[in-house]
Amino acid sequence: MEYISTRGGIEPIPFSQAVMMGLATDGGLLLPGEIPQVSQETLEIWQGLSYPRLALEVMFLFAGDVSKEDLRDLVDRAYATFDHPQVVPLVELGGIYIMELFHGPTLAFKDIALQFLGNLFEYLLAEAGDRMNVLGATSGDTGSAAIYGVKGRRNMAIFILYPHGRVSPIQELQMTTVTDPEVHNLAIKGTFDDCQAIVKEIFSDLEFKECYRLGAVNSINWARVLAQVVYYVWGYLRLREAGVQKVVFTVPTGNFGNIFAGFVAKRMLPEGAIGRLVLATNENDILYRFISRGDYSLGQVVSTISPSMDIQVASNFERYLYYLWGEDPARVKKAMEEFKGTGRLTFSREELEMVREDFASLAVAQPRTLETIKAFYLETGYILDPHTAVGVTAGLAMKEEDMPMICLATAHPAKFPEAVKGAIGKEPPKPPRIAELEGKECRFQVLPASVDRVKAYIAERAI
């Protein structure tokens, strides 16, 4: 399996090189040269596999230059850190299925990919006798999951940018209480989009990237998306065991990475296995506007109780455009250059019809999110975090009769106690992983939203 750029400016490269490259050197995003097709016969074989064994089989289709034995070890060590025997359990409640993706070290779905990626980075660095300084931006959960995936690894340091005052207190504690000398938390005076733009600009400086051996941990890294593809296949197989032939997923998303993984799974599996993907978002509704009326244009970032979706520029959207436009890298490159200048993309009626074959969408405002948390709790006794509540709201609104729907539960509700208390009148119980953070020493550095200042900080502290 070889990898290409959405902008067509690189020669095909193997999986391991794509992982280490992160952002393509032409500024595009890396994709497999082709998406493997999974037959009904293969699904029969995969049906009874545990989550780690299924992850091995799915990932090996894309990771041809890593031996299957080594990949098995990386996967096993990644998911041994989860506190549920199934890794990703499925719970049927309130007329839908909740897929719990929050049983990892930081209680968020990002652990699914970043526990694997940390192991993979360490393995590839050892093979090459190299070092790496991981650079990433977070709107809440990616930062802590990346830190927990990387901390203590040999030959690695990590620099995480997050919007100062715009993540939940617990999300910030999960990052800043890791005081290892190779872990650097940078609180940026701005929005997540500012953090993401700084990271992408730094990666575009190829001389700086090479000098300081920078590696990408955001979902611009293909390995992140690949690890997330697995749980869509897992969810489909769990319902297939019960005789279900077609499944619909609803996905709370802001950066388009999580739902793009679903798009890849939809293309992998036999036709009709996965129906339209329901994209659920909050007041930061650029993706909803794109799907509902073809309006992909920048707006102001609004702070909400679901901060991981407080995003206007969806970095993984470029990957989808590559497929929407018939795998035409020249068109993608031109469009992204135009977007950088105008902050807007436009689409034809025919293109929107194609989009709506793959996606439906709903934007859920904060009052309605709180109502869903309360109503779902009163009906089932189950507590939703605000991101998952956005997904459940959209899922229930768009659920078709007799069509099973899986909603991705992207974070544990205890990560957002204030929002939950505002909905049901009490905070959710604290799991040990959160309770143990209280009173710990914190360390972070506040910086302006300046590429030069962040570069200078990295240059002084990179390994």
Protein backbone atom coordinates (compact mmCIF):
# COMPACT_ATOMS: atom_id res chain seq x y z
CA MET A 1 0.00 0.00 0.00
CA GLU A 2 1.45 3.34 -1.06
CA TYR A 3 0.33 6.82 -0.01
CA ILE A 4 -0.30 9.94 -2.05
CA SER A 5 -1.06 13.59 -1.32
CA THR A 6 -4.45 15.19 -1.86
CA ARG A 7 -2.56 17.90 -3.77
CA GLY A 8 -0.56 15.54 -5.98
CA GLY A 9 2.88 17.01 -5.26
CA ILE A 10 4.73 13.95 -3.93
CA GLU A 11 5.75 10.58 -5.27
CA PRO A 12 3.92 7.62 -3.67
CA ILE A 13 5.43 6.62 -0.31
CA PRO A 14 5.01 3.57 1.99
CA PHE A 15 2.92 3.55 5.15
CA SER A 16 5.78 4.04 7.60
CA GLN A 17 7.05 7.09 5.72
CA ALA A 18 3.51 8.51 5.56
CA VAL A 19 3.20 8.18 9.34
CA MET A 20 6.47 9.99 9.95
CA MET A 21 5.75 12.68 7.34
CA GLY A 22 2.38 13.62 8.88
CA LEU A 23 1.45 16.56 6.66
CA ALA A 24 2.52 15.97 3.06
CA THR A 25 5.51 18.05 1.98
CA ASP A 26 3.34 19.76 -0.67
CA GLY A 27 0.95 21.00 2.03
CA GLY A 28 -1.69 18.38 1.29
CA LEU A 29 -2.94 15.46 3.36
CA LEU A 30 -1.84 11.88 2.83
CA LEU A 31 -4.22 9.16 1.67
CA PRO A 32 -3.83 5.51 0.61
CA GLY A 33 -3.45 5.10 -3.13
CA GLU A 34 -6.54 2.92 -2.99
CA ILE A 35 -9.04 1.90 -0.33
CA PRO A 36 -9.10 -1.90 0.10
CA GLN A 37 -12.38 -3.68 -0.50
CA VAL A 38 -13.60 -6.11 2.17
CA SER A 39 -15.71 -9.05 0.98
CA GLN A 40 -18.61 -10.74 2.72
CA GLU A 41 -16.36 -13.79 3.15
CA THR A 42 -13.77 -11.70 5.00
CA LEU A 43 -16.47 -10.24 7.21
CA GLU A 44 -17.49 -13.77 8.18
CA ILE A 45 -13.92 -14.42 9.32
CA TRP A 46 -13.74 -11.11 11.20
CA GLN A 47 -17.13 -11.59 12.88
CA GLY A 48 -15.95 -13.15 16.14
CA LEU A 49 -12.64 -11.34 16.56
CA SER A 50 -11.80 -9.32 19.65
CA TYR A 51 -11.28 -5.59 19.17
CA PRO A 52 -7.45 -5.83 19.12
CA ARG A 53 -7.54 -8.73 16.63
CA LEU A 54 -9.96 -6.84 14.38
CA ALA A 55 -7.75 -3.74 14.60
CA LEU A 56 -4.80 -5.84 13.50
CA GLU A 57 -6.66 -7.19 10.45
CA VAL A 58 -8.03 -3.80 9.35
CA MET A 59 -4.78 -1.90 9.91
CA PHE A 60 -2.65 -4.53 8.18
CA LEU A 61 -4.56 -3.88 4.95
CA PHE A 62 -3.09 -0.36 4.99
CA ALA A 63 0.30 -0.94 6.66
CA GLY A 64 2.11 -3.25 4.29
CA ASP A 65 5.67 -2.33 5.26
CA VAL A 66 5.16 -3.18 8.96
CA SER A 67 5.26 -6.93 9.67
CA LYS A 68 2.05 -8.45 10.96
CA GLU A 69 3.84 -9.74 14.06
CA ASP A 70 5.17 -6.28 14.93
CA LEU A 71 1.80 -4.68 14.20
CA ARG A 72 0.10 -7.19 16.50
CA ASP A 73 2.44 -6.19 19.33
CA LEU A 74 1.79 -2.48 18.76
CA VAL A 75 -1.98 -2.99 18.76
CA ASP A 76 -1.98 -5.24 21.82
CA ARG A 77 0.06 -2.77 23.87
CA ALA A 78 -2.17 0.11 22.77
CA TYR A 79 -5.45 -1.45 23.87
CA ALA A 80 -4.06 -3.06 27.04
CA THR A 81 -4.29 0.48 28.49
CA PHE A 82 -8.13 0.47 28.23
CA ASP A 83 -10.26 -0.37 31.25
CA HIS A 84 -13.08 -2.24 29.49
CA PRO A 85 -12.57 -5.85 28.32
CA GLN A 86 -14.26 -5.13 24.98
CA VAL A 87 -12.26 -1.88 24.51
CA VAL A 88 -15.23 -0.36 22.64
CA PRO A 89 -18.52 -1.61 24.14
CA LEU A 90 -21.88 -1.06 22.49
CA VAL A 91 -24.87 -0.19 24.71
CA GLU A 92 -28.47 -0.20 23.46
CA LEU A 93 -30.48 2.61 25.09
CA GLY A 94 -33.32 4.95 24.20
CA GLY A 95 -33.89 3.47 20.75
CA ILE A 96 -30.27 3.77 19.58
CA TYR A 97 -26.91 2.16 20.23
CA ILE A 98 -24.23 4.10 22.11
CA MET A 99 -20.69 3.13 21.12
CA GLU A 100 -18.51 3.99 24.12
CA LEU A 101 -15.14 5.20 22.86
CA PHE A 102 -13.99 6.64 26.18
CA HIS A 103 -12.46 3.75 28.11
CA GLY A 104 -8.83 4.74 27.47
CA PRO A 105 -6.36 6.62 29.69
CA THR A 106 -7.85 10.10 29.09
CA LEU A 107 -11.51 9.02 28.80
CA ALA A 108 -11.97 10.29 25.22
CA PHE A 109 -12.17 8.70 21.78
CA LYS A 110 -8.79 10.17 20.83
CA ASP A 111 -7.15 7.44 22.96
CA ILE A 112 -8.26 4.84 20.40
CA ALA A 113 -5.85 6.30 17.85
CA LEU A 114 -3.20 7.96 19.99
CA GLN A 115 -2.32 5.00 22.20
CA PHE A 116 -1.61 3.15 18.95
CA LEU A 117 0.21 6.08 17.34
CA GLY A 118 2.52 6.56 20.33
CA ASN A 119 3.61 2.92 20.09
CA LEU A 120 3.96 3.19 16.32
CA PHE A 121 6.13 6.32 16.53
CA GLU A 122 8.44 4.68 19.07
CA TYR A 123 8.73 1.55 16.92
CA LEU A 124 9.54 3.45 13.71
CA LEU A 125 12.05 5.71 15.48
CA ALA A 126 13.85 2.68 16.91
CA GLU A 127 13.96 1.08 13.46
CA ALA A 128 15.49 4.24 11.98
CA GLY A 129 17.70 5.20 14.94
CA ASP A 130 16.04 8.62 14.92
CA ARG A 131 14.32 11.08 17.28
CA MET A 132 11.08 13.08 17.05
CA ASN A 133 9.48 16.21 18.45
CA VAL A 134 5.72 15.71 18.21
CA LEU A 135 3.73 18.86 17.47
CA GLY A 136 -0.04 19.11 17.73
CA ALA A 137 -3.02 21.37 18.37
CA THR A 138 -6.05 20.50 20.45
CA SER A 139 -9.55 21.80 21.03
CA GLY A 140 -9.76 19.67 24.17
CA ASP A 141 -9.19 15.92 23.98
CA THR A 142 -6.45 15.38 21.40
CA GLY A 143 -3.83 17.09 23.58
CA SER A 144 -4.18 14.89 26.65
CA ALA A 145 -4.60 11.73 24.57
CA ALA A 146 -1.45 12.59 22.59
CA ILE A 147 0.51 13.33 25.76
CA TYR A 148 -0.55 10.05 27.35
CA GLY A 149 0.31 8.24 24.13
CA VAL A 150 3.79 9.78 23.91
CA LYS A 151 4.99 10.41 27.48
CA GLY A 152 7.81 8.16 28.58
CA ARG A 153 8.58 7.04 25.03
CA ARG A 154 12.20 6.86 23.98
CA ASN A 155 13.61 9.61 21.76
CA MET A 156 10.41 11.67 21.80
CA ALA A 157 9.25 15.05 23.10
CA ILE A 158 5.81 16.59 22.59
CA PHE A 159 4.55 20.17 22.13
CA ILE A 160 0.77 20.68 22.40
CA LEU A 161 -0.98 23.97 21.56
CA TYR A 162 -4.42 24.61 23.05
CA PRO A 163 -6.66 27.73 23.18
CA HIS A 164 -6.10 29.42 26.55
CA GLY A 165 -9.31 29.44 28.59
CA ARG A 166 -11.30 27.59 25.91
CA VAL A 167 -10.98 23.95 27.01
CA SER A 168 -12.77 22.41 29.98
CA PRO A 169 -10.95 22.54 33.34
CA ILE A 170 -10.57 18.75 33.41
CA GLN A 171 -9.27 18.66 29.83
CA GLU A 172 -6.66 21.23 30.85
CA LEU A 173 -5.74 19.31 34.00
CA GLN A 174 -5.24 16.11 32.02
CA MET A 175 -2.64 17.94 29.92
CA THR A 176 -0.92 20.24 32.37
CA THR A 177 -0.52 17.77 35.25
CA VAL A 178 1.86 15.76 33.09
CA THR A 179 5.08 17.50 34.10
CA ASP A 180 7.62 15.21 32.43
CA PRO A 181 10.47 17.34 31.06
CA GLU A 182 9.76 16.25 27.47
CA VAL A 183 6.08 17.35 27.67
CA HIS A 184 5.33 20.97 26.75
CA ASN A 185 1.83 22.48 27.02
CA LEU A 186 1.42 25.81 25.21
CA ALA A 187 -1.71 27.82 26.08
CA ILE A 188 -2.26 30.03 23.04
CA LYS A 189 -4.11 33.35 23.35
CA GLY A 190 -6.68 32.61 20.65
CA THR A 191 -9.02 29.92 19.30
CA PHE A 192 -8.39 26.33 18.31
CA ASP A 193 -8.35 27.47 14.68
CA ASP A 194 -5.43 29.77 15.57
CA CYS A 195 -3.60 26.82 17.16
CA GLN A 196 -4.30 24.59 14.17
CA ALA A 197 -3.16 27.27 11.70
CA ILE A 198 0.12 27.72 13.60
CA VAL A 199 0.79 23.98 13.53
CA LYS A 200 0.04 23.69 9.80
CA GLU A 201 2.24 26.70 8.99
CA ILE A 202 5.13 25.27 11.01
CA PHE A 203 4.81 21.94 9.23
CA SER A 204 4.83 23.79 5.91
CA ASP A 205 8.28 25.20 6.77
CA LEU A 206 10.12 22.11 5.55
CA GLU A 207 13.53 23.34 6.69
CA PHE A 208 12.33 23.93 10.26
CA LYS A 209 10.38 20.65 10.24
CA GLU A 210 13.46 18.68 9.21
CA CYS A 211 15.87 20.53 11.51
CA TYR A 212 13.77 19.79 14.61
CA ARG A 213 12.49 16.38 13.45
CA LEU A 214 8.81 17.35 13.81
CA GLY A 215 6.08 14.72 13.74
CA ALA A 216 2.31 15.22 13.48
CA VAL A 217 -0.11 13.93 16.09
CA ASN A 218 -3.29 15.66 14.89
CA SER A 219 -5.64 13.86 12.57
CA ILE A 220 -3.67 15.24 9.65
CA ASN A 221 -1.64 12.09 10.40
CA TRP A 222 -3.15 9.22 8.42
CA ALA A 223 -2.47 6.69 11.20
CA ARG A 224 -4.95 8.58 13.40
CA VAL A 225 -7.71 8.16 10.83
CA LEU A 226 -6.79 4.52 10.21
CA ALA A 227 -7.13 3.58 13.89
CA GLN A 228 -10.57 5.20 13.93
CA VAL A 229 -11.76 3.28 10.86
CA VAL A 230 -11.59 0.13 12.98
CA TYR A 231 -14.43 1.01 15.35
CA TYR A 232 -16.86 1.63 12.49
CA VAL A 233 -16.14 -1.88 11.22
CA TRP A 234 -16.42 -3.17 14.80
CA GLY A 235 -19.82 -1.52 15.30
CA TYR A 236 -21.13 -2.86 12.02
CA LEU A 237 -19.97 -6.39 12.86
CA ARG A 238 -21.61 -6.30 16.30
CA LEU A 239 -25.01 -5.59 14.74
CA ARG A 240 -24.36 -7.94 11.84
CA GLU A 241 -24.15 -10.73 14.41
CA ALA A 242 -27.80 -9.98 15.20
CA GLY A 243 -28.79 -10.24 11.56
CA VAL A 244 -28.63 -6.54 10.71
CA GLN A 245 -27.48 -5.83 7.15
CA LYS A 246 -27.27 -2.02 7.18
CA VAL A 247 -26.19 0.36 9.93
CA VAL A 248 -26.30 4.16 10.24
CA PHE A 249 -23.75 6.05 12.33
CA THR A 250 -24.18 9.47 13.88
CA VAL A 251 -20.94 11.28 14.66
CA PRO A 252 -20.33 14.42 16.73
CA THR A 253 -17.46 16.09 14.88
CA GLY A 254 -15.80 19.45 14.36
CA ASN A 255 -12.57 18.68 12.52
CA PHE A 256 -14.08 16.07 10.13
CA GLY A 257 -11.48 13.44 11.11
CA ASN A 258 -13.80 11.15 13.05
CA ILE A 259 -16.50 11.13 10.41
CA PHE A 260 -13.97 10.85 7.59
CA ALA A 261 -12.86 7.57 9.17
CA GLY A 262 -16.48 6.47 8.85
CA PHE A 263 -16.44 7.50 5.19
CA VAL A 264 -13.38 5.28 4.63
CA ALA A 265 -15.10 2.37 6.40
CA LYS A 266 -18.21 2.92 4.26
CA ARG A 267 -16.09 2.63 1.10
CA MET A 268 -14.26 -0.45 2.42
CA LEU A 269 -17.27 -2.53 3.37
CA PRO A 270 -19.70 -4.12 0.90
CA GLU A 271 -22.11 -1.67 -0.70
CA GLY A 272 -25.05 -0.85 1.55
CA ALA A 273 -23.41 -2.01 4.80
CA ILE A 274 -23.17 1.55 6.14
CA GLY A 275 -25.87 4.05 5.29
CA ARG A 276 -25.55 7.83 5.29
CA LEU A 277 -23.28 9.17 8.01
CA VAL A 278 -25.06 11.72 10.22
CA LEU A 279 -22.72 14.62 10.95
CA ALA A 280 -23.68 16.30 14.22
CA THR A 281 -22.22 19.64 15.21
CA ASN A 282 -22.89 22.59 17.50
CA GLU A 283 -23.17 26.34 16.85
CA ASN A 284 -19.86 26.17 14.98
CA ASP A 285 -21.77 24.86 12.00
CA ILE A 286 -19.53 25.19 8.94
CA LEU A 287 -19.87 21.46 8.18
CA TYR A 288 -23.65 21.53 8.64
CA ARG A 289 -23.89 24.52 6.30
CA PHE A 290 -21.78 22.68 3.73
CA ILE A 291 -23.97 19.57 3.74
CA SER A 292 -27.32 21.37 4.01
CA ARG A 293 -26.75 24.16 1.47
CA GLY A 294 -23.22 24.00 0.06
CA ASP A 295 -21.96 26.91 2.15
CA TYR A 296 -18.43 26.15 3.32
CA SER A 297 -17.43 29.59 4.58
CA LEU A 298 -15.62 30.78 7.68
CA GLY A 299 -17.54 32.20 10.62
CA GLN A 300 -16.61 33.32 14.11
CA VAL A 301 -15.76 30.57 16.58
CA VAL A 302 -18.43 30.35 19.31
CA SER A 303 -17.50 28.96 22.75
CA THR A 304 -19.90 26.20 23.80
CA ILE A 305 -20.32 23.40 26.35
CA SER A 306 -19.00 20.99 23.67
CA PRO A 307 -15.60 22.67 23.19
CA SER A 308 -13.99 19.92 21.13
CA MET A 309 -16.31 20.96 18.29
CA ASP A 310 -15.64 24.70 18.61
CA ILE A 311 -13.90 24.75 15.24
CA GLN A 312 -14.49 26.57 11.96
CA VAL A 313 -11.69 25.19 9.75
CA ALA A 314 -12.07 21.38 9.51
CA SER A 315 -8.59 20.17 8.64
CA ASN A 316 -9.66 16.72 7.37
CA PHE A 317 -12.24 18.17 4.99
CA GLU A 318 -9.59 18.29 2.26
CA ARG A 319 -9.39 14.50 2.29
CA TYR A 320 -13.10 14.22 1.52
CA LEU A 321 -12.85 16.82 -1.25
CA TYR A 322 -10.29 14.60 -2.97
CA TYR A 323 -12.91 11.87 -3.33
CA LEU A 324 -15.83 14.21 -4.00
CA TRP A 325 -13.92 15.70 -6.94
CA GLY A 326 -13.05 12.39 -8.52
CA GLU A 327 -9.55 12.04 -7.01
CA ASP A 328 -8.37 15.15 -8.86
CA PRO A 329 -5.39 16.59 -6.90
CA ALA A 330 -5.02 19.64 -9.15
CA ARG A 331 -8.56 20.72 -8.35
CA VAL A 332 -8.04 20.14 -4.62
CA LYS A 333 -4.83 22.18 -4.64
CA LYS A 334 -6.47 25.07 -6.47
CA ALA A 335 -9.51 25.02 -4.17
CA MET A 336 -7.44 25.02 -0.98
CA GLU A 337 -5.36 27.93 -2.26
CA GLU A 338 -8.58 29.83 -3.00
CA PHE A 339 -9.98 28.99 0.43
CA LYS A 340 -6.86 30.32 2.12
CA GLY A 341 -7.44 33.65 0.39
CA THR A 342 -11.24 33.94 0.50
CA GLY A 343 -12.35 31.73 3.39
CA ARG A 344 -15.03 30.20 1.18
CA LEU A 345 -15.64 27.21 -1.10
CA THR A 346 -18.64 26.76 -3.40
CA PHE A 347 -20.22 23.60 -4.80
CA SER A 348 -22.54 22.77 -7.67
CA ARG A 349 -25.98 21.26 -7.24
CA GLU A 350 -24.70 17.97 -8.66
CA GLU A 351 -21.84 17.91 -6.16
CA LEU A 352 -24.21 18.55 -3.27
CA GLU A 353 -26.37 15.64 -4.40
CA MET A 354 -23.26 13.44 -4.22
CA VAL A 355 -22.44 14.78 -0.75
CA ARG A 356 -25.93 13.97 0.49
CA GLU A 357 -25.59 10.39 -0.68
CA ASP A 358 -22.86 10.03 1.97
CA PHE A 359 -23.90 12.49 4.68
CA ALA A 360 -26.83 14.05 6.49
CA SER A 361 -26.31 16.73 9.12
CA LEU A 362 -27.81 18.67 11.99
CA ALA A 363 -26.47 21.61 14.02
CA VAL A 364 -27.54 21.39 17.66
CA ALA A 365 -27.54 24.53 19.80
CA GLN A 366 -26.56 24.52 23.45
CA PRO A 367 -30.09 24.65 24.98
CA ARG A 368 -31.16 21.63 22.94
CA THR A 369 -27.99 19.76 23.94
CA LEU A 370 -28.80 20.31 27.61
CA GLU A 371 -32.38 19.18 27.03
CA THR A 372 -31.12 15.94 25.46
CA ILE A 373 -28.77 15.22 28.37
CA LYS A 374 -31.67 15.68 30.80
CA ALA A 375 -34.27 13.75 28.80
CA PHE A 376 -31.94 10.83 28.06
CA TYR A 377 -30.95 10.61 31.72
CA LEU A 378 -34.57 10.67 32.90
CA GLU A 379 -35.56 8.00 30.37
CA THR A 380 -32.58 5.65 30.69
CA GLY A 381 -30.47 6.67 33.69
CA TYR A 382 -27.50 7.07 31.32
CA ILE A 383 -25.44 10.29 31.43
CA LEU A 384 -24.27 11.73 28.10
CA ASP A 385 -21.38 14.12 27.79
CA PRO A 386 -22.29 17.28 25.80
CA HIS A 387 -20.52 16.12 22.61
CA THR A 388 -22.27 12.76 22.62
CA ALA A 389 -25.54 14.56 23.41
CA VAL A 390 -25.13 16.59 20.23
CA GLY A 391 -24.74 13.30 18.35
CA VAL A 392 -27.71 11.66 20.06
CA THR A 393 -29.90 14.69 19.31
CA ALA A 394 -29.03 14.52 15.62
CA GLY A 395 -29.31 10.75 15.53
CA LEU A 396 -32.77 10.61 17.06
CA ALA A 397 -33.98 13.46 14.84
CA MET A 398 -32.81 11.69 11.68
CA LYS A 399 -33.34 8.06 12.62
CA GLU A 400 -35.29 6.11 10.05
CA GLU A 401 -37.79 3.52 11.22
CA ASP A 402 -36.30 0.02 11.53
CA MET A 403 -32.81 1.32 10.66
CA PRO A 404 -30.37 0.60 13.50
CA MET A 405 -28.32 3.65 14.46
CA ILE A 406 -25.03 3.78 16.35
CA CYS A 407 -24.06 7.05 18.02
CA LEU A 408 -20.38 7.52 18.82
CA ALA A 409 -19.90 8.47 22.49
CA THR A 410 -16.73 10.49 22.21
CA ALA A 411 -16.00 11.40 25.85
CA HIS A 412 -16.83 10.38 29.41
CA PRO A 413 -19.39 12.76 30.98
CA ALA A 414 -17.12 13.34 33.99
CA LYS A 415 -14.87 15.42 31.73
CA PHE A 416 -17.65 18.04 31.56
CA PRO A 417 -19.15 18.15 35.07
CA GLU A 418 -20.48 21.72 34.88
CA ALA A 419 -22.42 21.08 31.66
CA VAL A 420 -23.85 17.84 33.02
CA LYS A 421 -24.85 19.49 36.29
CA GLY A 422 -26.59 22.25 34.34
CA ALA A 423 -28.68 19.57 32.63
CA ILE A 424 -29.51 17.03 35.35
CA GLY A 425 -28.81 19.00 38.55
CA LYS A 426 -25.79 17.00 39.67
CA GLU A 427 -22.28 16.21 38.52
CA PRO A 428 -21.54 12.77 37.12
CA PRO A 429 -19.51 10.37 39.28
CA LYS A 430 -15.76 10.87 38.93
CA PRO A 431 -13.83 7.85 37.70
CA PRO A 432 -10.43 7.30 39.38
CA ARG A 433 -8.56 8.61 36.33
CA ILE A 434 -10.12 12.05 36.92
CA ALA A 435 -10.26 12.07 40.72
CA GLU A 436 -6.51 11.51 40.93
CA LEU A 437 -5.81 14.77 39.04
CA GLU A 438 -7.03 17.00 41.86
CA GLY A 439 -4.25 18.84 43.68
CA LYS A 440 -1.53 17.79 41.26
CA GLU A 441 1.18 20.19 40.15
CA CYS A 442 0.44 21.88 36.78
CA ARG A 443 2.84 23.24 34.19
CA PHE A 444 2.09 25.21 31.02
CA GLN A 445 3.30 28.25 29.10
CA VAL A 446 1.01 31.03 27.84
CA LEU A 447 2.02 32.35 24.40
CA PRO A 448 0.47 34.73 21.84
CA ALA A 449 -1.00 33.28 18.64
CA SER A 450 2.32 33.79 16.86
CA VAL A 451 4.09 31.29 14.60
CA ASP A 452 7.44 32.91 15.37
CA ARG A 453 6.96 32.71 19.14
CA VAL A 454 5.96 29.05 18.98
CA LYS A 455 8.89 28.26 16.69
CA ALA A 456 11.28 29.95 19.10
CA TYR A 457 9.86 27.95 22.00
CA ILE A 458 10.29 24.68 20.10
CA ALA A 459 13.82 25.58 18.97
CA GLU A 460 14.89 26.13 22.58
CA ARG A 461 13.44 22.89 23.96
CA ALA A 462 13.38 20.30 21.17
CA ILE A 463 15.32 17.09 21.80
